[in-house]
Amino acid sequence: MANYSICKCIRNDKPLKRNGKHPIYLRIRVGDRSTKIPTGLEVWDGRWDAKRMEPKDKTLAIQLNRKIMELDLYINRLLADGTELSMDLVKEFYDGKRRVKPENRSFYDYYLDFVERKRKEGLNPETIRVYMTTFHVLKEFRSELRISDISLPFIEDFDNYMREVNGNSAGGRNPKHKNLRTVILDMLKRNIPVENPYKWFKMPNSAVKEVYLEKDELLHLIDYSDKFARDTKEYRILKMYQFSCFCGLRFSDVRDLCWKDVDFSNGLIKKRMIKTKSEVITPLFPMAREILEEKSENGRLLGSGDKIFYPYTEPTVNRTLREHVKRAGIDKHVTYHSSRRTFATLTAAEGADTYTIKNYLGHSSVTMSERYMKWSKQLALESAEKNHLIDIKKIVHRTKKRNKSKLPPNSGGSYFYLCEKTLDDECLDE
């Protein structure tokens, strides 16, 4: 049985290509014979790590390792079949004379191709990150995986691995199963013969308590955030979260929000959503407006293409929120997404109907909103009763009559201004 080795290298013995890049090769040795095979990949001059023998760019390194893994898998299958390895067989692999059946291809190759395809289609970077997390967990579980290896026992073993070895809860395992199932279904769409074990596998689901902030909790968090300097990470993240509590935008859309997306004259936010690619138009409620006005540098940034909020990652934001919500004395497991639930609950408490809330949240159908609001309708009533807000519109009406000057400009007739400046104790006592 012939020994073999595969090494990565660049052809720096030749002049740089016109684009300033070196071609990347694989140096393959079988017994006493060796050859260099072009990978079709290129690396910028100075971006090759000569010590580690790989590109410094992570994406390019992954692509190169995929090619090595593909060849290595092919060779090992030849050896497993008792075939005498030769350089001619290696060359046949690259010449396309030896085709691997689709079901015998590396599942990991397909997985990475799928992720790259979705990246080019504009899938949310955070979703891409979650897909890659699943990929790495799969690789930890089984270093090599063929498409034909996908089966119900494999899925069950993978689930046991996540639970017993990694200590993942049902809530932690569920998104990884969903990602894996999505890739499998994509294969079926492309007529690749693969078993779909999720037809029989029961997805792990944990009982999720829908989290939102009560009015008093939100007001308390606003007071708490004012303890930090405006240029601190804590202040920026807390204000970003509060902004979504008052407008209902998703994390990805808030992070992507530009000043030109906000129409201060008409009191509107108009933006194409990252997740759905559809346009959402929502009122610029006074408390959200107040947050933006603070960040506008006295109006200098209005109408510009600059991003409004600092581009923290969602994990960083959620860690910061959990830490400081707890320090603020709020005993709830808060994530950024709870801002949308807070918004929906508070607007429902003010009397907004499901169709209106659907438009605010950017849902595509009332049915979707009804599912989203199934919990919030009940909780909104409880919240309203608890905070004496059942008759909020009457209260607002009396407040406006008594002190119109306290209402912010361009409120558009909407009261969604949850602040003692307008909803004072005297009013609530009536």
Protein backbone atom coordinates (compact mmCIF):
# COMPACT_ATOMS: atom_id res chain seq x y z
CA MET A 1 0.00 0.00 0.00
CA ALA A 2 1.53 3.27 -1.13
CA ASN A 3 2.02 6.07 1.39
CA TYR A 4 0.69 9.47 0.46
CA SER A 5 0.78 13.05 1.70
CA ILE A 6 -1.01 16.27 0.77
CA CYS A 7 0.56 19.68 1.41
CA LYS A 8 -0.55 23.23 0.66
CA CYS A 9 1.78 25.58 -1.19
CA ILE A 10 1.94 28.62 -3.44
CA ARG A 11 3.91 29.05 -6.64
CA ASN A 12 6.15 31.89 -5.52
CA ASP A 13 8.82 30.66 -7.88
CA LYS A 14 6.94 32.38 -10.66
CA PRO A 15 6.12 36.08 -11.12
CA LEU A 16 2.93 37.34 -9.51
CA LYS A 17 -0.18 37.23 -11.63
CA ARG A 18 -1.45 40.52 -12.98
CA ASN A 19 -4.02 40.72 -10.19
CA GLY A 20 -1.24 40.65 -7.57
CA LYS A 21 -2.03 37.13 -6.37
CA HIS A 22 -0.19 33.81 -6.10
CA PRO A 23 -1.91 30.62 -7.32
CA ILE A 24 -2.42 28.01 -4.59
CA TYR A 25 -1.43 24.40 -5.29
CA LEU A 26 -1.64 21.06 -3.54
CA ARG A 27 1.67 19.16 -3.46
CA ILE A 28 0.71 15.49 -3.55
CA ARG A 29 3.13 12.65 -2.93
CA VAL A 30 2.25 9.00 -3.57
CA GLY A 31 5.13 6.64 -2.77
CA ASP A 32 8.22 8.11 -4.46
CA ARG A 33 6.21 10.19 -6.95
CA SER A 34 5.00 13.74 -6.42
CA THR A 35 3.08 16.36 -8.35
CA LYS A 36 1.52 19.78 -7.93
CA ILE A 37 -2.20 20.18 -8.60
CA PRO A 38 -3.71 23.67 -9.07
CA THR A 39 -6.65 24.34 -6.72
CA GLY A 40 -8.07 27.25 -8.70
CA LEU A 41 -7.63 29.42 -5.61
CA GLU A 42 -5.41 32.48 -5.32
CA VAL A 43 -3.97 34.44 -2.44
CA TRP A 44 -2.82 38.05 -2.25
CA ASP A 45 0.91 38.61 -1.99
CA GLY A 46 1.81 38.79 1.69
CA ARG A 47 -1.38 36.99 2.82
CA TRP A 48 0.16 33.50 2.87
CA ASP A 49 1.29 32.14 6.24
CA ALA A 50 4.52 30.35 5.33
CA LYS A 51 4.87 28.84 8.81
CA ARG A 52 1.37 27.34 8.97
CA MET A 53 1.29 26.75 5.21
CA GLU A 54 -2.15 28.24 4.72
CA PRO A 55 -3.83 31.54 3.76
CA LYS A 56 -4.20 34.15 6.47
CA ASP A 57 -7.76 34.83 5.29
CA LYS A 58 -10.13 32.51 7.15
CA THR A 59 -12.67 32.13 4.32
CA LEU A 60 -9.96 31.20 1.82
CA ALA A 61 -8.45 28.74 4.30
CA ILE A 62 -11.82 27.01 4.70
CA GLN A 63 -12.20 26.71 0.90
CA LEU A 64 -8.70 25.25 0.60
CA ASN A 65 -9.25 22.76 3.42
CA ARG A 66 -12.47 21.63 1.76
CA LYS A 67 -10.49 20.70 -1.35
CA ILE A 68 -7.98 18.76 0.71
CA MET A 69 -10.75 16.99 2.61
CA GLU A 70 -12.43 16.05 -0.66
CA LEU A 71 -9.24 14.50 -2.06
CA ASP A 72 -8.38 12.83 1.25
CA LEU A 73 -11.83 11.28 1.44
CA TYR A 74 -11.50 9.97 -2.13
CA ILE A 75 -8.11 8.39 -1.41
CA ASN A 76 -9.26 6.75 1.82
CA ARG A 77 -12.26 5.22 0.09
CA LEU A 78 -9.93 3.75 -2.54
CA LEU A 79 -7.76 2.28 0.19
CA ALA A 80 -10.80 0.98 2.09
CA ASP A 81 -11.89 -0.82 -1.09
CA GLY A 82 -8.48 -2.49 -1.30
CA THR A 83 -7.40 -0.44 -4.34
CA GLU A 84 -3.67 0.09 -4.78
CA LEU A 85 -3.14 3.85 -4.66
CA SER A 86 -1.21 5.39 -7.52
CA MET A 87 -0.52 8.86 -8.82
CA ASP A 88 -2.56 8.04 -11.93
CA LEU A 89 -5.65 7.50 -9.76
CA VAL A 90 -5.07 10.86 -8.07
CA LYS A 91 -4.78 12.53 -11.47
CA GLU A 92 -7.93 10.74 -12.63
CA PHE A 93 -9.77 12.30 -9.70
CA TYR A 94 -8.79 15.76 -10.86
CA ASP A 95 -9.33 14.97 -14.52
CA GLY A 96 -12.92 14.05 -13.70
CA LYS A 97 -12.52 10.50 -14.96
CA ARG A 98 -13.41 9.11 -11.57
CA ARG A 99 -16.74 10.51 -10.55
CA VAL A 100 -18.09 10.16 -7.04
CA LYS A 101 -21.78 9.41 -6.79
CA PRO A 102 -23.75 12.32 -5.28
CA GLU A 103 -24.71 10.30 -2.21
CA ASN A 104 -21.03 9.44 -1.60
CA ARG A 105 -19.96 13.08 -1.59
CA SER A 106 -18.88 14.74 1.61
CA PHE A 107 -21.89 16.12 3.46
CA TYR A 108 -19.66 18.83 4.86
CA ASP A 109 -18.71 20.00 1.37
CA TYR A 110 -22.37 20.35 0.51
CA TYR A 111 -23.09 22.08 3.82
CA LEU A 112 -20.41 24.73 3.19
CA ASP A 113 -21.59 25.19 -0.39
CA PHE A 114 -25.11 25.72 0.92
CA VAL A 115 -23.95 28.33 3.44
CA GLU A 116 -21.91 30.15 0.81
CA ARG A 117 -24.90 30.15 -1.54
CA LYS A 118 -27.09 31.65 1.19
CA ARG A 119 -24.41 34.24 1.98
CA LYS A 120 -24.40 35.39 -1.64
CA GLU A 121 -28.21 35.55 -1.56
CA GLY A 122 -27.92 38.06 1.28
CA LEU A 123 -28.88 35.89 4.24
CA ASN A 124 -28.57 37.68 7.58
CA PRO A 125 -24.91 37.42 8.78
CA GLU A 126 -26.13 36.38 12.22
CA THR A 127 -28.03 33.46 10.65
CA ILE A 128 -24.88 32.54 8.71
CA ARG A 129 -23.00 32.52 12.01
CA VAL A 130 -25.56 30.12 13.53
CA TYR A 131 -25.24 27.79 10.50
CA MET A 132 -21.46 27.73 10.95
CA THR A 133 -21.83 27.01 14.67
CA THR A 134 -23.91 23.96 13.74
CA PHE A 135 -21.26 22.95 11.19
CA HIS A 136 -18.48 23.01 13.79
CA VAL A 137 -20.54 20.99 16.28
CA LEU A 138 -21.20 18.39 13.57
CA LYS A 139 -17.47 18.20 12.79
CA GLU A 140 -16.72 17.70 16.47
CA PHE A 141 -19.25 14.86 16.57
CA ARG A 142 -18.02 13.15 13.40
CA SER A 143 -14.94 14.36 11.54
CA GLU A 144 -16.02 12.84 8.21
CA LEU A 145 -19.56 12.47 6.96
CA ARG A 146 -20.95 11.30 3.63
CA ILE A 147 -24.38 12.29 2.40
CA SER A 148 -25.37 8.62 2.50
CA ASP A 149 -24.49 8.55 6.23
CA ILE A 150 -27.46 10.78 7.05
CA SER A 151 -30.05 8.59 8.76
CA LEU A 152 -32.34 8.46 11.75
CA PRO A 153 -29.72 6.69 13.94
CA PHE A 154 -27.20 9.39 12.99
CA ILE A 155 -29.61 12.18 13.99
CA GLU A 156 -30.43 10.42 17.26
CA ASP A 157 -26.73 9.93 18.03
CA PHE A 158 -26.03 13.58 17.20
CA ASP A 159 -28.81 14.68 19.54
CA ASN A 160 -27.41 12.47 22.32
CA TYR A 161 -23.94 13.93 21.72
CA MET A 162 -25.20 17.50 22.08
CA ARG A 163 -27.15 16.63 25.23
CA GLU A 164 -24.69 14.35 27.04
CA VAL A 165 -21.27 15.58 25.87
CA ASN A 166 -21.89 19.28 25.23
CA GLY A 167 -24.57 19.64 27.88
CA ASN A 168 -26.98 21.41 25.51
CA SER A 169 -30.56 21.89 26.65
CA ALA A 170 -33.52 21.26 24.35
CA GLY A 171 -33.49 24.96 23.48
CA GLY A 172 -29.80 24.75 22.56
CA ARG A 173 -30.18 21.63 20.42
CA ASN A 174 -33.29 22.74 18.55
CA PRO A 175 -31.71 25.40 16.25
CA LYS A 176 -28.90 23.01 15.28
CA HIS A 177 -31.43 20.38 14.26
CA LYS A 178 -33.35 23.01 12.29
CA ASN A 179 -30.20 24.03 10.41
CA LEU A 180 -29.33 20.42 9.61
CA ARG A 181 -32.88 19.72 8.46
CA THR A 182 -32.83 22.78 6.17
CA VAL A 183 -29.66 21.55 4.45
CA ILE A 184 -31.15 18.06 4.00
CA LEU A 185 -34.32 19.50 2.48
CA ASP A 186 -32.17 21.59 0.12
CA MET A 187 -30.54 18.38 -1.09
CA LEU A 188 -33.91 16.82 -1.77
CA LYS A 189 -34.91 19.90 -3.78
CA ARG A 190 -31.83 19.32 -5.92
CA ASN A 191 -32.66 15.63 -6.47
CA ILE A 192 -29.75 14.31 -4.42
CA PRO A 193 -30.75 10.92 -3.02
CA VAL A 194 -30.73 11.39 0.72
CA GLU A 195 -32.92 10.14 3.55
CA ASN A 196 -34.83 12.78 5.51
CA PRO A 197 -34.75 11.37 9.05
CA TYR A 198 -36.61 14.37 10.44
CA LYS A 199 -39.83 12.80 9.18
CA TRP A 200 -39.53 10.47 12.16
CA PHE A 201 -37.36 12.42 14.60
CA LYS A 202 -39.13 14.49 17.26
CA MET A 203 -37.45 17.86 17.52
CA PRO A 204 -36.32 18.82 21.04
CA ASN A 205 -38.39 21.73 22.27
CA SER A 206 -38.29 23.41 25.63
CA ALA A 207 -41.19 25.23 27.15
CA VAL A 208 -40.38 28.83 26.31
CA LYS A 209 -41.65 31.58 28.54
CA GLU A 210 -42.35 34.58 26.38
CA VAL A 211 -40.42 37.47 27.91
CA TYR A 212 -41.37 41.12 27.68
CA LEU A 213 -40.98 44.13 29.92
CA GLU A 214 -43.79 45.72 31.87
CA LYS A 215 -44.20 49.46 31.57
CA ASP A 216 -42.67 50.03 35.00
CA GLU A 217 -39.74 47.74 34.21
CA LEU A 218 -39.05 49.58 30.96
CA LEU A 219 -39.16 52.95 32.69
CA HIS A 220 -36.81 51.62 35.38
CA LEU A 221 -34.39 50.38 32.70
CA ILE A 222 -34.43 53.84 31.09
CA ASP A 223 -33.51 55.43 34.42
CA TYR A 224 -30.80 52.81 34.95
CA SER A 225 -29.20 53.42 31.54
CA ASP A 226 -28.83 57.12 32.31
CA LYS A 227 -26.19 56.20 34.90
CA PHE A 228 -23.72 55.42 32.10
CA ALA A 229 -21.75 57.86 29.98
CA ARG A 230 -23.16 58.19 26.45
CA ASP A 231 -20.01 56.88 24.77
CA THR A 232 -19.97 53.60 26.74
CA LYS A 233 -20.91 50.21 25.34
CA GLU A 234 -23.49 49.74 28.10
CA TYR A 235 -25.32 52.97 27.32
CA ARG A 236 -25.29 52.38 23.55
CA ILE A 237 -26.68 48.86 23.86
CA LEU A 238 -29.33 49.75 26.42
CA LYS A 239 -30.55 52.67 24.30
CA MET A 240 -30.55 50.50 21.19
CA TYR A 241 -32.74 47.98 23.01
CA GLN A 242 -35.08 50.69 24.31
CA PHE A 243 -35.41 52.04 20.78
CA SER A 244 -36.79 48.69 19.59
CA CYS A 245 -39.14 48.58 22.58
CA PHE A 246 -40.67 51.79 21.17
CA CYS A 247 -40.71 50.91 17.46
CA GLY A 248 -40.70 47.08 17.22
CA LEU A 249 -37.83 46.72 14.72
CA ARG A 250 -35.72 43.55 14.74
CA PHE A 251 -32.11 43.60 15.88
CA SER A 252 -30.79 43.19 12.32
CA ASP A 253 -32.90 46.10 11.09
CA VAL A 254 -31.93 48.41 13.96
CA ARG A 255 -28.25 47.66 13.47
CA ASP A 256 -28.68 48.39 9.74
CA LEU A 257 -30.83 51.51 10.28
CA CYS A 258 -29.51 54.67 8.60
CA TRP A 259 -30.52 58.29 9.21
CA LYS A 260 -32.02 58.46 5.73
CA ASP A 261 -34.49 55.72 6.77
CA VAL A 262 -36.09 58.08 9.31
CA ASP A 263 -38.55 60.75 8.17
CA PHE A 264 -38.60 63.18 11.08
CA SER A 265 -40.94 65.60 9.30
CA ASN A 266 -43.73 63.04 8.95
CA GLY A 267 -42.77 60.99 12.00
CA LEU A 268 -42.11 57.71 10.14
CA ILE A 269 -39.50 54.98 9.88
CA LYS A 270 -39.36 53.46 6.40
CA LYS A 271 -36.96 50.58 5.82
CA ARG A 272 -36.43 47.40 3.82
CA MET A 273 -36.12 44.60 6.37
CA ILE A 274 -33.04 42.39 6.37
CA LYS A 275 -34.90 39.16 7.15
CA THR A 276 -37.88 39.36 4.80
CA LYS A 277 -36.58 41.86 2.16
CA SER A 278 -39.98 43.58 2.36
CA GLU A 279 -40.52 47.20 3.30
CA VAL A 280 -41.87 48.20 6.69
CA ILE A 281 -43.32 51.61 7.55
CA THR A 282 -43.86 52.29 11.22
CA PRO A 283 -44.57 55.46 13.19
CA LEU A 284 -41.67 57.21 14.85
CA PHE A 285 -43.21 57.14 18.30
CA PRO A 286 -42.09 59.94 20.61
CA MET A 287 -39.86 57.90 22.89
CA ALA A 288 -38.07 56.37 19.89
CA ARG A 289 -37.77 59.86 18.41
CA GLU A 290 -36.22 61.13 21.62
CA ILE A 291 -33.49 58.46 21.47
CA LEU A 292 -32.68 59.36 17.87
CA GLU A 293 -32.63 63.08 18.52
CA GLU A 294 -30.05 62.49 21.24
CA LYS A 295 -27.83 60.67 18.73
CA SER A 296 -28.31 63.07 15.80
CA GLU A 297 -25.55 65.50 16.85
CA ASN A 298 -27.99 68.42 16.91
CA GLY A 299 -29.52 67.32 13.62
CA ARG A 300 -26.24 67.22 11.70
CA LEU A 301 -26.64 63.55 10.75
CA LEU A 302 -30.31 63.71 9.68
CA GLY A 303 -30.89 62.38 6.16
CA SER A 304 -27.38 60.96 5.84
CA GLY A 305 -26.40 57.42 4.91
CA ASP A 306 -24.58 56.91 8.23
CA LYS A 307 -25.66 54.06 10.48
CA ILE A 308 -27.50 55.22 13.59
CA PHE A 309 -26.43 52.58 16.09
CA TYR A 310 -23.05 51.06 16.89
CA PRO A 311 -22.63 47.68 15.07
CA TYR A 312 -22.33 45.33 18.01
CA THR A 313 -22.94 41.63 17.34
CA GLU A 314 -26.13 40.06 18.66
CA PRO A 315 -24.31 37.76 21.16
CA THR A 316 -22.48 40.80 22.59
CA VAL A 317 -25.74 42.73 22.84
CA ASN A 318 -27.57 39.87 24.53
CA ARG A 319 -24.78 39.29 27.06
CA THR A 320 -24.75 42.98 27.95
CA LEU A 321 -28.53 43.12 28.21
CA ARG A 322 -28.74 40.09 30.50
CA GLU A 323 -26.03 41.49 32.78
CA HIS A 324 -27.49 44.98 33.14
CA VAL A 325 -31.16 44.03 33.22
CA LYS A 326 -30.24 41.87 36.21
CA ARG A 327 -28.23 44.73 37.79
CA ALA A 328 -31.23 46.99 37.26
CA GLY A 329 -33.22 44.63 39.47
CA ILE A 330 -35.36 43.10 36.71
CA ASP A 331 -35.60 39.34 37.22
CA LYS A 332 -36.19 38.26 33.60
CA HIS A 333 -34.11 36.44 30.99
CA VAL A 334 -34.06 39.28 28.48
CA THR A 335 -32.77 39.00 24.91
CA TYR A 336 -32.92 41.66 22.24
CA HIS A 337 -35.92 39.96 20.64
CA SER A 338 -37.93 40.63 23.81
CA SER A 339 -38.04 44.26 22.66
CA ARG A 340 -40.46 43.26 19.89
CA ARG A 341 -42.64 41.42 22.39
CA THR A 342 -42.50 44.44 24.69
CA PHE A 343 -43.55 46.70 21.84
CA ALA A 344 -46.39 44.38 20.79
CA THR A 345 -47.64 44.01 24.36
CA LEU A 346 -47.59 47.72 25.12
CA THR A 347 -49.26 48.73 21.86
CA ALA A 348 -51.92 46.05 22.43
CA ALA A 349 -52.43 47.47 25.91
CA GLU A 350 -53.08 50.84 24.33
CA GLY A 351 -55.80 49.32 22.15
CA ALA A 352 -54.00 48.63 18.87
CA ASP A 353 -55.61 45.82 16.87
CA THR A 354 -53.76 42.83 15.44
CA TYR A 355 -53.78 44.21 11.87
CA THR A 356 -52.13 47.43 13.01
CA ILE A 357 -49.54 45.57 15.05
CA LYS A 358 -48.90 43.33 12.01
CA ASN A 359 -47.97 46.39 9.99
CA TYR A 360 -45.81 47.81 12.77
CA LEU A 361 -43.87 44.55 13.15
CA GLY A 362 -43.56 43.95 9.41
CA HIS A 363 -45.32 40.59 9.39
CA SER A 364 -46.46 39.31 6.02
CA SER A 365 -49.89 38.15 7.16
CA VAL A 366 -52.44 38.65 9.88
CA THR A 367 -52.19 34.92 10.58
CA MET A 368 -48.54 35.32 11.42
CA SER A 369 -49.36 38.22 13.70
CA GLU A 370 -52.12 36.25 15.37
CA ARG A 371 -49.59 33.54 16.19
CA TYR A 372 -47.20 36.17 17.40
CA MET A 373 -49.90 37.88 19.46
CA LYS A 374 -51.48 34.72 20.83
CA TRP A 375 -49.61 35.17 24.06
CA SER A 376 -49.38 38.96 24.02
CA LYS A 377 -53.11 39.62 23.89
CA GLN A 378 -53.59 37.90 27.18
CA LEU A 379 -50.42 39.25 28.70
CA ALA A 380 -51.20 42.74 27.46
CA LEU A 381 -54.51 42.72 29.33
CA GLU A 382 -52.78 41.47 32.45
CA SER A 383 -50.08 44.09 32.03
CA ALA A 384 -52.61 46.83 31.43
CA GLU A 385 -54.65 45.84 34.47
CA LYS A 386 -51.57 45.56 36.64
CA ASN A 387 -50.37 48.99 35.64
CA HIS A 388 -53.80 50.67 35.63
CA LEU A 389 -53.71 51.17 31.88
CA ILE A 390 -57.02 49.63 30.85
CA ASP A 391 -58.45 53.08 30.22
CA ILE A 392 -55.26 54.45 28.75
CA LYS A 393 -56.98 56.36 25.96
CA LYS A 394 -59.29 58.13 28.37
CA ILE A 395 -56.35 58.92 30.59
CA VAL A 396 -54.38 60.28 27.69
CA HIS A 397 -57.31 62.38 26.55
CA ARG A 398 -57.63 63.99 29.98
CA THR A 399 -53.87 64.46 30.16
CA LYS A 400 -53.76 66.16 26.79
CA LYS A 401 -56.56 68.51 27.74
CA ARG A 402 -54.88 69.39 30.99
CA ASN A 403 -51.35 69.83 29.70
CA LYS A 404 -50.92 69.71 25.94
CA SER A 405 -47.52 71.28 26.21
CA LYS A 406 -46.13 68.10 27.76
CA LEU A 407 -46.81 66.00 24.70
CA PRO A 408 -43.79 65.86 22.37
CA PRO A 409 -43.98 67.43 18.92
CA ASN A 410 -45.01 65.31 15.96
CA SER A 411 -46.57 62.66 18.17
CA GLY A 412 -49.07 62.00 15.40
CA GLY A 413 -51.92 61.59 17.91
CA SER A 414 -50.33 58.45 19.26
CA TYR A 415 -49.57 58.39 22.92
CA PHE A 416 -46.98 55.64 22.93
CA TYR A 417 -44.80 57.79 25.14
CA LEU A 418 -44.34 55.73 28.25
CA CYS A 419 -42.81 58.34 30.48
CA GLU A 420 -43.79 60.17 33.67
CA LYS A 421 -43.41 63.40 31.72
CA THR A 422 -46.88 62.80 30.29
CA LEU A 423 -48.43 59.91 32.17
CA ASP A 424 -47.96 61.34 35.63
CA ASP A 425 -49.02 60.01 39.01
CA GLU A 426 -51.85 62.51 39.31
CA CYS A 427 -53.36 61.25 36.09
CA LEU A 428 -53.02 57.60 37.08
CA ASP A 429 -54.76 58.22 40.38
CA GLU A 430 -57.94 59.40 38.65
